[in-house]
Protein backbone atom coordinates (compact mmCIF):
# COMPACT_ATOMS: atom_id res chain seq x y z
CA MET A 1 0.00 0.00 0.00
CA VAL A 2 1.04 3.61 -0.51
CA TRP A 3 0.04 7.08 0.61
CA GLY A 4 -0.20 9.28 -2.44
CA CYS A 5 -1.70 12.51 -3.65
CA PHE A 6 -2.39 14.54 -6.76
CA TRP A 7 -4.05 17.85 -7.56
CA GLY A 8 -5.40 18.94 -10.90
CA SER A 9 -3.14 17.32 -13.47
CA THR A 10 -0.14 17.41 -11.13
CA LEU A 11 1.17 14.25 -9.52
CA GLY A 12 2.13 14.73 -5.90
CA TYR A 13 4.12 12.67 -3.47
CA LEU A 14 4.08 8.91 -3.01
CA HIS A 15 5.03 7.23 0.27
CA PRO A 16 5.20 3.43 0.67
CA LEU A 17 3.41 2.09 3.73
CA LEU A 18 5.67 -0.58 5.11
CA VAL A 19 3.35 -1.87 7.81
CA GLU A 20 0.36 -4.16 7.33
CA HIS A 21 -2.08 -2.23 9.49
CA ASN A 22 -2.38 1.50 9.43
CA ASN A 23 -4.27 3.64 11.88
CA SER A 24 -5.23 7.27 12.32
CA GLU A 25 -2.04 8.13 14.18
CA ARG A 26 0.14 6.73 11.38
CA TYR A 27 -1.98 8.50 8.77
CA VAL A 28 -1.48 11.82 10.55
CA GLU A 29 2.28 11.19 10.91
CA ILE A 30 2.58 10.75 7.14
CA SER A 31 0.27 13.70 6.47
CA GLU A 32 2.40 15.92 8.73
CA VAL A 33 5.34 15.28 6.41
CA TYR A 34 3.69 15.56 3.00
CA LEU A 35 0.65 17.83 3.23
CA PRO A 36 2.69 20.97 4.06
CA LEU A 37 4.79 20.24 0.95
CA VAL A 38 1.63 19.84 -1.13
CA LYS A 39 0.25 23.12 0.22
CA GLU A 40 3.54 24.87 -0.69
CA ASP A 41 3.48 23.41 -4.21
CA MET A 42 -0.11 24.53 -4.68
CA ALA A 43 0.67 28.03 -3.40
CA GLU A 44 3.53 28.28 -5.92
CA ALA A 45 1.01 27.34 -8.63
CA GLY A 46 -1.34 30.12 -7.48
CA ILE A 47 -3.80 28.01 -5.50
CA SER A 48 -4.25 29.79 -2.19
CA THR A 49 -7.30 28.00 -0.76
CA PRO A 50 -6.99 24.28 -1.49
CA VAL A 51 -9.71 21.83 -0.56
CA PHE A 52 -8.58 18.42 0.68
CA MET A 53 -10.43 15.37 -0.58
CA GLN A 54 -9.93 11.84 0.64
CA ASP A 55 -11.81 8.60 0.44
CA ASN A 56 -14.03 7.42 3.26
CA SER A 57 -11.58 5.06 4.92
CA PRO A 58 -12.19 4.86 8.68
CA ILE A 59 -8.68 6.15 9.42
CA HIS A 60 -9.33 9.19 7.21
CA ASN A 61 -12.63 10.00 8.90
CA SER A 62 -11.62 9.43 12.51
CA TYR A 63 -11.94 12.27 14.99
CA TYR A 64 -8.16 12.20 15.34
CA SER A 65 -7.44 12.62 11.60
CA LEU A 66 -10.19 15.15 10.94
CA GLY A 67 -9.20 17.11 14.04
CA TRP A 68 -5.60 17.30 12.85
CA LEU A 69 -6.68 18.50 9.38
CA GLN A 70 -8.87 21.16 10.98
CA ASP A 71 -6.05 22.28 13.30
CA GLU A 72 -3.75 22.60 10.28
CA GLY A 73 -6.27 24.77 8.45
CA TRP A 74 -7.28 22.34 5.71
CA LYS A 75 -10.78 22.63 4.30
CA VAL A 76 -11.98 19.05 3.81
CA ALA A 77 -14.47 18.22 1.08
CA ASP A 78 -17.52 16.34 2.28
CA HIS A 79 -18.71 13.80 -0.25
CA PRO A 80 -20.90 10.72 -0.20
CA ALA A 81 -19.35 7.30 0.22
CA CYS A 82 -18.95 5.18 -2.94
CA SER A 83 -19.57 8.05 -5.31
CA PRO A 84 -17.23 7.47 -8.28
CA ASP A 85 -18.23 10.67 -10.05
CA LEU A 86 -17.08 12.77 -7.06
CA ASN A 87 -13.96 10.82 -6.16
CA PRO A 88 -11.10 11.16 -8.69
CA ILE A 89 -9.16 8.42 -6.89
């Protein structure tokens, strides 16, 4: 498994997940490394108010993960589960 991201037509970072089971704490640890870099890249491209979109994995939607994203100032898109036309992943 990997943690990866993209925005628009730009490929972002890719991080291999070397453990079998991930949890919210591990997800936030990885996000702490890469999401600031993504935000910097987007700012350089002229995107000043990015909206973060993720799938509906339980570790993504935990109070811990969503609280961290809110504390870091990320606006998180709310979208229905299993909606392929709203989820570019």
